[in-house]
Amino acid sequence: MYQLIIFDWDGTLMDSAQKIANCLKAAAREVGIDEPSDQQAKNIIGLGLAEAMHSLFPNLTETRNRQLIDAYKHQFVVADQTQQGLFQGVEQGLQVLVESGALLAVATGKARAGLQRVFSEIDLEHLFVASRCADETRSKPHPQMLLELLDYTAIDPKNTIMVGDTTYDMDMAKNAGVHGLGAAYGVHDEVALRAAQAVEVLHSFSDIQQWLLNQRTQAAYD
């Protein structure tokens, strides 16, 4: 039974993959390097920004990498107008999960400033007992994000599940000794998520909510 449910953000709770890809491609153009394809850009969603840039552009100097990161941040916050929003049913579904007594948390490749920006726009922060971001701990698939959340909540790993749309999420869960639940409506497909040892792979947030509430959650501190 799961007492702690930890969610990835981009691609799991928020439909933001296209905006991220567009900003990555625009940032590459801005600094004068070959832009990645849509698929290449989306494939690194979930990693910390520095790790994502290194994965996409492994031969850049540190100076060029910093220029690229700065260009991406400008695109994401100021220049790019691609719409993003919560996946259907997320806000209501999270509330129902909270009412089940389970604790909710976030483990995201976003920087803290980016997550707080979203929280200021969408009133969800109160539903989560804690969150960890890639710029304040180790990037996925290292387990540190989850280990810190486990320590903060004092929940046993066997009573914890990580919900995410990438193999980075599933690998992080495995590395932390918790279960991983795959969201196949995000970046990585069902085949990849199952290969990464997800306990189940589902195709909508509504399906995730129903799966968790089907006698799989319990109150954290009864």
Foldseek 3Di string as FASTA:
>chain_A
DAQEEEEEPDFFFKPCLQLQLVLLQVLCVVLPHHGDDSLLRSQLFFWALLVSLCVSPVPDDPVSSVSSSVSSVCSNPPNPDDDMGTFPPRVVLLVVVVVQQHAYEYEYSDDPVVVVVVCVVPVDPVSHPYYDYCVVFPTFPAQPRVVVVCVVLVFDQANYEYEYAHLSRLSNNVNVNHAYEHAQCGNDHPVRNVVSPHPYYDHGVVVVSVVCPPPNYHRDPD
